[in-house]
Amino acid sequence: MISKFLSKLKSIFFKSAVSTETPLKKEKKAAKSVKTKSKTKTKTKTKAVNSKKNIETLTSLPGVGAKSAKALYEAGFKTTKAVIAADEKDLLAVSGVGINLVKKLKKLK
């Protein structure tokens, strides 16, 4: 009776140390994790490419350089139309954008 009790205690305490998975199950899990990692890499690459293209298009606006284009993009202005249609207060809230740039952009309206 004591031996049964001790064996149950051992099974309870050392359950986490002993893996019940077969090696085949471990391989399938490893293969799934590799597949998901490759998908996320391609998504981040396309996002990076899209953001670079959007920043480059923002530099086509008069008075907007690389730094201010990046600041505008990070502030949520993804397109040139969004920048032109934006309120003056919203544009001035972006770091790197001054009153002179806002005046140039408002002339485009």
C-alpha atoms as a PDB file:
ATOM      1  CA  MET A   1       0.000   0.000   0.000  1.00  0.00           C
ATOM      2  CA  ILE A   2       2.815   2.402   0.811  1.00  0.00           C
ATOM      3  CA  SER A   3       4.551   1.511  -2.437  1.00  0.00           C
ATOM      4  CA  LYS A   4       1.425   2.407  -4.424  1.00  0.00           C
ATOM      5  CA  PHE A   5       1.207   5.709  -2.597  1.00  0.00           C
ATOM      6  CA  LEU A   6       4.873   6.468  -3.270  1.00  0.00           C
ATOM      7  CA  SER A   7       4.538   5.569  -6.953  1.00  0.00           C
ATOM      8  CA  LYS A   8       1.537   7.909  -7.297  1.00  0.00           C
ATOM      9  CA  LEU A   9       3.481  10.704  -5.602  1.00  0.00           C
ATOM     10  CA  LYS A  10       6.404  10.152  -7.973  1.00  0.00           C
ATOM     11  CA  SER A  11       4.106  10.255 -10.983  1.00  0.00           C
ATOM     12  CA  ILE A  12       2.537  13.508  -9.760  1.00  0.00           C
ATOM     13  CA  PHE A  13       5.786  15.287  -8.892  1.00  0.00           C
ATOM     14  CA  PHE A  14       7.803  14.138 -11.885  1.00  0.00           C
ATOM     15  CA  LYS A  15       5.030  14.406 -14.456  1.00  0.00           C
ATOM     16  CA  SER A  16       6.354  17.646 -15.926  1.00  0.00           C
ATOM     17  CA  ALA A  17       9.888  16.289 -16.174  1.00  0.00           C
ATOM     18  CA  VAL A  18       8.861  13.291 -18.283  1.00  0.00           C
ATOM     19  CA  SER A  19       7.512  14.128 -21.699  1.00  0.00           C
ATOM     20  CA  THR A  20       4.592  12.045 -22.938  1.00  0.00           C
ATOM     21  CA  GLU A  21       4.948  13.224 -26.530  1.00  0.00           C
ATOM     22  CA  THR A  22       6.327  10.965 -29.168  1.00  0.00           C
ATOM     23  CA  PRO A  23       9.243  12.176 -31.273  1.00  0.00           C
ATOM     24  CA  LEU A  24       6.934  12.357 -34.301  1.00  0.00           C
ATOM     25  CA  LYS A  25       4.655  14.871 -32.568  1.00  0.00           C
ATOM     26  CA  LYS A  26       7.656  16.999 -31.645  1.00  0.00           C
ATOM     27  CA  GLU A  27       8.797  17.075 -35.280  1.00  0.00           C
ATOM     28  CA  LYS A  28       5.357  18.186 -36.469  1.00  0.00           C
ATOM     29  CA  LYS A  29       5.295  21.025 -33.942  1.00  0.00           C
ATOM     30  CA  ALA A  30       8.775  22.126 -34.984  1.00  0.00           C
ATOM     31  CA  ALA A  31       7.747  22.103 -38.650  1.00  0.00           C
ATOM     32  CA  LYS A  32       4.682  24.246 -37.898  1.00  0.00           C
ATOM     33  CA  SER A  33       6.741  26.803 -36.024  1.00  0.00           C
ATOM     34  CA  VAL A  34       9.185  27.084 -38.949  1.00  0.00           C
ATOM     35  CA  LYS A  35       6.319  27.683 -41.370  1.00  0.00           C
ATOM     36  CA  THR A  36       4.818  30.465 -39.281  1.00  0.00           C
ATOM     37  CA  LYS A  37       8.177  32.191 -38.912  1.00  0.00           C
ATOM     38  CA  SER A  38       8.696  32.353 -42.679  1.00  0.00           C
ATOM     39  CA  LYS A  39       5.229  33.871 -43.194  1.00  0.00           C
ATOM     40  CA  THR A  40       5.871  36.656 -40.716  1.00  0.00           C
ATOM     41  CA  LYS A  41       9.162  37.548 -42.377  1.00  0.00           C
ATOM     42  CA  THR A  42       7.499  38.098 -45.740  1.00  0.00           C
ATOM     43  CA  LYS A  43       4.752  40.211 -44.167  1.00  0.00           C
ATOM     44  CA  THR A  44       7.249  42.484 -42.457  1.00  0.00           C
ATOM     45  CA  LYS A  45       9.249  42.822 -45.668  1.00  0.00           C
ATOM     46  CA  THR A  46       6.213  43.940 -47.624  1.00  0.00           C
ATOM     47  CA  LYS A  47       5.230  46.380 -44.888  1.00  0.00           C
ATOM     48  CA  ALA A  48       8.735  47.846 -44.930  1.00  0.00           C
ATOM     49  CA  VAL A  49       8.674  48.174 -48.719  1.00  0.00           C
ATOM     50  CA  ASN A  50       5.237  49.806 -48.653  1.00  0.00           C
ATOM     51  CA  SER A  51       6.258  52.282 -45.976  1.00  0.00           C
ATOM     52  CA  LYS A  52       9.382  53.248 -47.923  1.00  0.00           C
ATOM     53  CA  LYS A  53       7.324  53.820 -51.055  1.00  0.00           C
ATOM     54  CA  ASN A  54       4.793  55.918 -49.156  1.00  0.00           C
ATOM     55  CA  ILE A  55       7.545  58.008 -47.573  1.00  0.00           C
ATOM     56  CA  GLU A  56       9.109  58.557 -50.999  1.00  0.00           C
ATOM     57  CA  THR A  57       5.787  59.756 -52.399  1.00  0.00           C
ATOM     58  CA  LEU A  58       5.412  62.201 -49.516  1.00  0.00           C
ATOM     59  CA  THR A  59       8.749  63.766 -50.497  1.00  0.00           C
ATOM     60  CA  SER A  60       7.152  64.785 -53.802  1.00  0.00           C
ATOM     61  CA  LEU A  61       5.250  67.495 -51.922  1.00  0.00           C
ATOM     62  CA  PRO A  62       6.926  70.928 -52.046  1.00  0.00           C
ATOM     63  CA  GLY A  63       9.024  71.606 -48.983  1.00  0.00           C
ATOM     64  CA  VAL A  64       8.829  68.048 -47.671  1.00  0.00           C
ATOM     65  CA  GLY A  65      12.176  66.339 -47.274  1.00  0.00           C
ATOM     66  CA  ALA A  66      13.079  62.855 -46.121  1.00  0.00           C
ATOM     67  CA  LYS A  67      12.907  63.636 -42.400  1.00  0.00           C
ATOM     68  CA  SER A  68       9.611  65.479 -42.496  1.00  0.00           C
ATOM     69  CA  ALA A  69       8.134  62.825 -44.806  1.00  0.00           C
ATOM     70  CA  LYS A  70       9.063  60.115 -42.321  1.00  0.00           C
ATOM     71  CA  ALA A  71       7.612  62.149 -39.457  1.00  0.00           C
ATOM     72  CA  LEU A  72       4.380  62.696 -41.383  1.00  0.00           C
ATOM     73  CA  TYR A  73       4.145  58.997 -42.217  1.00  0.00           C
ATOM     74  CA  GLU A  74       4.684  57.986 -38.606  1.00  0.00           C
ATOM     75  CA  ALA A  75       2.046  60.515 -37.522  1.00  0.00           C
ATOM     76  CA  GLY A  76      -0.523  58.740 -39.691  1.00  0.00           C
ATOM     77  CA  PHE A  77      -0.437  60.712 -42.916  1.00  0.00           C
ATOM     78  CA  LYS A  78       0.139  57.853 -45.375  1.00  0.00           C
ATOM     79  CA  THR A  79      -0.651  59.619 -48.658  1.00  0.00           C
ATOM     80  CA  THR A  80      -0.107  63.022 -50.200  1.00  0.00           C
ATOM     81  CA  LYS A  81      -3.878  63.551 -50.312  1.00  0.00           C
ATOM     82  CA  ALA A  82      -4.083  62.967 -46.578  1.00  0.00           C
ATOM     83  CA  VAL A  83      -1.383  65.567 -45.950  1.00  0.00           C
ATOM     84  CA  ILE A  84      -3.017  68.161 -48.191  1.00  0.00           C
ATOM     85  CA  ALA A  85      -6.470  67.577 -46.700  1.00  0.00           C
ATOM     86  CA  ALA A  86      -5.218  67.647 -43.104  1.00  0.00           C
ATOM     87  CA  ASP A  87      -5.988  70.457 -40.711  1.00  0.00           C
ATOM     88  CA  GLU A  88      -3.212  72.964 -39.965  1.00  0.00           C
ATOM     89  CA  LYS A  89      -3.255  72.105 -36.257  1.00  0.00           C
ATOM     90  CA  ASP A  90      -2.780  68.411 -36.994  1.00  0.00           C
ATOM     91  CA  LEU A  91       0.180  69.116 -39.254  1.00  0.00           C
ATOM     92  CA  LEU A  92       1.818  71.457 -36.758  1.00  0.00           C
ATOM     93  CA  ALA A  93       1.536  68.749 -34.095  1.00  0.00           C
ATOM     94  CA  VAL A  94       3.967  66.598 -36.079  1.00  0.00           C
ATOM     95  CA  SER A  95       7.585  67.071 -35.020  1.00  0.00           C
ATOM     96  CA  GLY A  96       9.696  68.391 -37.880  1.00  0.00           C
ATOM     97  CA  VAL A  97       6.821  70.257 -39.515  1.00  0.00           C
ATOM     98  CA  GLY A  98       6.814  74.015 -39.153  1.00  0.00           C
ATOM     99  CA  ILE A  99       4.532  76.859 -40.081  1.00  0.00           C
ATOM    100  CA  ASN A 100       6.331  77.552 -43.361  1.00  0.00           C
ATOM    101  CA  LEU A 101       5.825  73.978 -44.527  1.00  0.00           C
ATOM    102  CA  VAL A 102       2.160  74.111 -43.563  1.00  0.00           C
ATOM    103  CA  LYS A 103       1.747  77.329 -45.589  1.00  0.00           C
ATOM    104  CA  LYS A 104       3.316  75.655 -48.645  1.00  0.00           C
ATOM    105  CA  LEU A 105       1.038  72.666 -48.277  1.00  0.00           C
ATOM    106  CA  LYS A 106      -2.087  74.799 -47.895  1.00  0.00           C
ATOM    107  CA  LYS A 107      -1.293  76.573 -51.161  1.00  0.00           C
ATOM    108  CA  LEU A 108      -1.769  73.206 -52.879  1.00  0.00           C
ATOM    109  CA  LYS A 109      -5.438  72.988 -51.868  1.00  0.00           C
END
